[in-house]
Amino acid sequence: MHSDELIKSLSDNGNKDLESSLQWINPIPKDASALIEKIDMALNIVRFSKSRRTEEGEETSNNHLDSLIRLKAEISSILNEKLK
């Protein structure tokens, strides 16, 4: 499946999560499976960054992490429905 088709299938909340996650996943790959991989890489980066900041005593927000997690879950759900 192409990412542009997938993006059109996102809910309103999914679109908001995509918008807030663009800094981590731009440019969006054409293939949806590559998009999932890119989201996984972004999740790893955000988790690492959050843990480093926590170690340094900084308070961190979960907004980016939560958005990426929700976006990945919705995209995975859409892909699983398309495969049925």
N, C-alpha and C. Protein backbone atom coordinates (compact mmCIF):
# COMPACT_ATOMS: atom_id res chain seq x y z
N MET A 1 0.85 -1.17 0.00
CA MET A 1 0.00 0.00 0.00
C MET A 1 0.90 1.24 0.00
N HIS A 2 0.47 2.24 -0.71
CA HIS A 2 1.19 3.50 -0.75
C HIS A 2 0.83 4.35 0.47
N SER A 3 1.80 5.10 0.94
CA SER A 3 1.58 5.94 2.13
C SER A 3 0.49 6.98 1.91
N ASP A 4 0.40 7.52 0.69
CA ASP A 4 -0.62 8.54 0.46
C ASP A 4 -2.02 7.96 0.60
N GLU A 5 -2.23 6.72 0.18
CA GLU A 5 -3.53 6.05 0.37
C GLU A 5 -3.79 5.84 1.86
N LEU A 6 -2.76 5.43 2.55
CA LEU A 6 -2.86 5.17 3.98
C LEU A 6 -3.20 6.45 4.75
N ILE A 7 -2.54 7.53 4.41
CA ILE A 7 -2.77 8.81 5.08
C ILE A 7 -4.21 9.28 4.89
N LYS A 8 -4.76 9.02 3.70
CA LYS A 8 -6.16 9.39 3.44
C LYS A 8 -7.13 8.59 4.31
N SER A 9 -6.69 7.43 4.79
CA SER A 9 -7.54 6.57 5.62
C SER A 9 -7.47 6.90 7.10
N LEU A 10 -6.57 7.80 7.49
CA LEU A 10 -6.42 8.14 8.91
C LEU A 10 -7.65 8.87 9.44
N SER A 11 -7.94 8.64 10.70
CA SER A 11 -9.01 9.37 11.38
C SER A 11 -8.55 10.80 11.63
N ASP A 12 -9.44 11.63 12.14
CA ASP A 12 -9.06 13.01 12.49
C ASP A 12 -7.93 13.02 13.53
N ASN A 13 -8.06 12.15 14.53
CA ASN A 13 -7.00 12.07 15.54
C ASN A 13 -5.70 11.55 14.93
N GLY A 14 -5.81 10.61 14.01
CA GLY A 14 -4.63 10.10 13.32
C GLY A 14 -3.94 11.19 12.52
N ASN A 15 -4.73 12.03 11.88
CA ASN A 15 -4.16 13.16 11.13
C ASN A 15 -3.46 14.14 12.05
N LYS A 16 -4.02 14.37 13.23
CA LYS A 16 -3.37 15.26 14.20
C LYS A 16 -2.06 14.66 14.69
N ASP A 17 -2.07 13.36 14.93
CA ASP A 17 -0.84 12.69 15.36
C ASP A 17 0.20 12.72 14.25
N LEU A 18 -0.23 12.55 13.02
CA LEU A 18 0.69 12.63 11.89
C LEU A 18 1.30 14.02 11.80
N GLU A 19 0.46 15.03 11.92
CA GLU A 19 0.93 16.41 11.86
C GLU A 19 1.96 16.71 12.94
N SER A 20 1.70 16.23 14.14
CA SER A 20 2.65 16.50 15.24
C SER A 20 3.90 15.63 15.16
N SER A 21 3.86 14.58 14.33
CA SER A 21 5.00 13.68 14.20
C SER A 21 5.83 13.93 12.95
N LEU A 22 5.41 14.85 12.12
CA LEU A 22 6.10 15.06 10.85
C LEU A 22 7.57 15.39 11.00
N GLN A 23 7.92 16.11 12.06
CA GLN A 23 9.33 16.46 12.25
C GLN A 23 10.19 15.22 12.40
N TRP A 24 9.59 14.11 12.82
CA TRP A 24 10.34 12.88 13.03
C TRP A 24 10.31 11.96 11.83
N ILE A 25 9.31 12.10 10.95
CA ILE A 25 9.17 11.12 9.87
C ILE A 25 9.25 11.73 8.47
N ASN A 26 9.46 13.04 8.37
CA ASN A 26 9.62 13.65 7.04
C ASN A 26 10.98 13.32 6.48
N PRO A 27 11.11 13.09 5.21
CA PRO A 27 10.04 12.95 4.23
C PRO A 27 9.33 11.60 4.40
N ILE A 28 8.05 11.61 4.14
CA ILE A 28 7.26 10.40 4.29
C ILE A 28 7.58 9.47 3.13
N PRO A 29 7.97 8.23 3.43
CA PRO A 29 8.26 7.27 2.37
C PRO A 29 7.01 6.94 1.57
N LYS A 30 7.19 6.52 0.34
CA LYS A 30 6.04 6.19 -0.52
C LYS A 30 5.35 4.90 -0.09
N ASP A 31 6.12 3.97 0.45
CA ASP A 31 5.59 2.67 0.83
C ASP A 31 5.17 2.68 2.30
N ALA A 32 3.99 2.14 2.58
CA ALA A 32 3.46 2.14 3.95
C ALA A 32 4.33 1.33 4.91
N SER A 33 4.90 0.24 4.45
CA SER A 33 5.76 -0.55 5.35
C SER A 33 7.03 0.22 5.69
N ALA A 34 7.54 1.00 4.76
CA ALA A 34 8.70 1.85 5.04
C ALA A 34 8.31 2.96 6.03
N LEU A 35 7.07 3.41 5.96
CA LEU A 35 6.58 4.42 6.90
C LEU A 35 6.56 3.85 8.32
N ILE A 36 6.10 2.63 8.46
CA ILE A 36 6.09 1.97 9.78
C ILE A 36 7.52 1.87 10.31
N GLU A 37 8.46 1.49 9.45
CA GLU A 37 9.86 1.40 9.88
C GLU A 37 10.39 2.75 10.32
N LYS A 38 10.02 3.79 9.59
CA LYS A 38 10.48 5.13 9.93
C LYS A 38 9.88 5.59 11.26
N ILE A 39 8.62 5.25 11.51
CA ILE A 39 7.99 5.57 12.78
C ILE A 39 8.69 4.82 13.91
N ASP A 40 9.05 3.55 13.67
CA ASP A 40 9.79 2.78 14.68
C ASP A 40 11.12 3.45 15.01
N MET A 41 11.84 3.92 13.98
CA MET A 41 13.11 4.61 14.22
C MET A 41 12.87 5.89 15.01
N ALA A 42 11.82 6.62 14.66
CA ALA A 42 11.50 7.86 15.38
C ALA A 42 11.17 7.56 16.84
N LEU A 43 10.43 6.49 17.07
CA LEU A 43 10.10 6.10 18.45
C LEU A 43 11.37 5.81 19.25
N ASN A 44 12.31 5.12 18.63
CA ASN A 44 13.57 4.83 19.31
C ASN A 44 14.33 6.11 19.64
N ILE A 45 14.36 7.04 18.71
CA ILE A 45 15.06 8.31 18.93
C ILE A 45 14.39 9.10 20.04
N VAL A 46 13.08 9.20 20.00
CA VAL A 46 12.35 9.98 21.00
C VAL A 46 12.50 9.34 22.39
N ARG A 47 12.42 8.02 22.45
CA ARG A 47 12.59 7.33 23.74
C ARG A 47 13.99 7.56 24.29
N PHE A 48 15.00 7.46 23.41
CA PHE A 48 16.37 7.68 23.84
C PHE A 48 16.56 9.11 24.34
N SER A 49 16.06 10.06 23.57
CA SER A 49 16.17 11.47 23.95
C SER A 49 15.49 11.72 25.29
N LYS A 50 14.32 11.14 25.46
CA LYS A 50 13.58 11.30 26.72
C LYS A 50 14.36 10.71 27.88
N SER A 51 14.95 9.56 27.69
CA SER A 51 15.70 8.93 28.78
C SER A 51 16.94 9.74 29.13
N ARG A 52 17.61 10.30 28.12
CA ARG A 52 18.79 11.13 28.38
C ARG A 52 18.41 12.40 29.15
N ARG A 53 17.33 13.00 28.76
CA ARG A 53 16.90 14.22 29.46
C ARG A 53 16.49 13.91 30.89
N THR A 54 15.85 12.77 31.09
CA THR A 54 15.45 12.37 32.43
C THR A 54 16.69 12.13 33.29
N GLU A 55 17.70 11.50 32.70
CA GLU A 55 18.95 11.27 33.44
C GLU A 55 19.60 12.59 33.85
N GLU A 56 19.44 13.61 33.02
CA GLU A 56 20.03 14.92 33.30
C GLU A 56 19.15 15.76 34.22
N GLY A 57 18.05 15.19 34.66
CA GLY A 57 17.18 15.87 35.60
C GLY A 57 16.17 16.81 34.97
N GLU A 58 16.05 16.78 33.66
CA GLU A 58 15.08 17.64 32.98
C GLU A 58 13.72 16.95 32.96
N GLU A 59 12.69 17.74 33.13
CA GLU A 59 11.35 17.21 32.97
C GLU A 59 11.03 17.18 31.49
N THR A 60 10.45 16.08 31.03
CA THR A 60 10.15 15.95 29.61
C THR A 60 8.68 15.66 29.41
N SER A 61 8.22 16.02 28.25
CA SER A 61 6.84 15.78 27.87
C SER A 61 6.76 14.46 27.10
N ASN A 62 5.63 13.82 27.16
CA ASN A 62 5.40 12.59 26.40
C ASN A 62 4.64 12.85 25.11
N ASN A 63 4.40 14.11 24.76
CA ASN A 63 3.55 14.42 23.61
C ASN A 63 4.03 13.77 22.32
N HIS A 64 5.31 13.93 21.97
CA HIS A 64 5.81 13.35 20.73
C HIS A 64 5.77 11.82 20.78
N LEU A 65 6.17 11.28 21.90
CA LEU A 65 6.16 9.83 22.05
C LEU A 65 4.74 9.28 21.94
N ASP A 66 3.81 9.89 22.63
CA ASP A 66 2.42 9.44 22.58
C ASP A 66 1.84 9.55 21.18
N SER A 67 2.13 10.64 20.49
CA SER A 67 1.63 10.83 19.12
C SER A 67 2.17 9.75 18.19
N LEU A 68 3.46 9.47 18.29
CA LEU A 68 4.06 8.43 17.45
C LEU A 68 3.48 7.06 17.75
N ILE A 69 3.27 6.76 19.01
CA ILE A 69 2.69 5.47 19.39
C ILE A 69 1.28 5.32 18.83
N ARG A 70 0.47 6.36 19.02
CA ARG A 70 -0.92 6.30 18.49
C ARG A 70 -0.92 6.21 16.97
N LEU A 71 -0.04 6.98 16.31
CA LEU A 71 0.02 6.96 14.85
C LEU A 71 0.41 5.58 14.35
N LYS A 72 1.40 4.98 14.95
CA LYS A 72 1.82 3.63 14.54
C LYS A 72 0.69 2.63 14.74
N ALA A 73 -0.01 2.73 15.86
CA ALA A 73 -1.11 1.80 16.13
C ALA A 73 -2.22 1.95 15.09
N GLU A 74 -2.56 3.19 14.76
CA GLU A 74 -3.64 3.39 13.77
C GLU A 74 -3.21 2.92 12.39
N ILE A 75 -1.99 3.21 12.00
CA ILE A 75 -1.50 2.77 10.70
C ILE A 75 -1.46 1.24 10.63
N SER A 76 -0.98 0.62 11.69
CA SER A 76 -0.94 -0.85 11.73
C SER A 76 -2.33 -1.44 11.62
N SER A 77 -3.28 -0.82 12.30
CA SER A 77 -4.67 -1.28 12.25
C SER A 77 -5.23 -1.17 10.83
N ILE A 78 -4.97 -0.06 10.18
CA ILE A 78 -5.45 0.15 8.80
C ILE A 78 -4.82 -0.90 7.89
N LEU A 79 -3.53 -1.12 8.02
CA LEU A 79 -2.85 -2.10 7.17
C LEU A 79 -3.37 -3.50 7.41
N ASN A 80 -3.63 -3.84 8.67
CA ASN A 80 -4.17 -5.17 8.98
C ASN A 80 -5.56 -5.34 8.38
N GLU A 81 -6.37 -4.30 8.39
CA GLU A 81 -7.71 -4.38 7.79
C GLU A 81 -7.63 -4.58 6.28
N LYS A 82 -6.66 -3.92 5.64
CA LYS A 82 -6.49 -4.02 4.19
C LYS A 82 -6.02 -5.41 3.79
N LEU A 83 -5.30 -6.10 4.69
CA LEU A 83 -4.79 -7.43 4.39
C LEU A 83 -5.83 -8.52 4.56
N LYS A 84 -6.92 -8.22 5.24
CA LYS A 84 -7.96 -9.23 5.48
C LYS A 84 -8.74 -9.51 4.23
